[in-house]
Amino acid sequence: MNDSWLAVCHLHDIAPNTGICAKVHDKQVAIFRQGKGQDLYAIDNFDPIGKANVLSRGLLAHIGDSITVASPLYKQHYCLQSGICKEDEKVKIPVYKVRLNEGAVEVLAG
């Protein structure tokens, strides 16, 4: 299958400093809007430590130079740029490319 951009929602569907979950083919993807602008991040929605699809409901936080989401289950922080868990760097979740295209939030689907 070729990689292609898939529109999942509009920017105004994501409140500032929150996330949503979107189905991208067979994966749940957590998409976050950091601040009131157009800074978007996309990671896998599955928390490998809590063993549940919950990361889109986590809270955004800055830890050092990283923008992270705290899992609502056990509060581990995952870097939105790299997917690496701040509390256990051996744990990493997939990160997806995301963009804004004429008001639509698109995820690169492969």
Foldseek 3Di string as FASTA:
>chain_A
DDKDKDFFFFPVVAQEQAWDWGCFPPFIKIWHHHGRDRDIWIWGQADPVVRDRAQRGFGWDDDPNFIWTFGPPPGFTAGRVWQATPVDRVDGTGTWDWDADPRTIITTHD
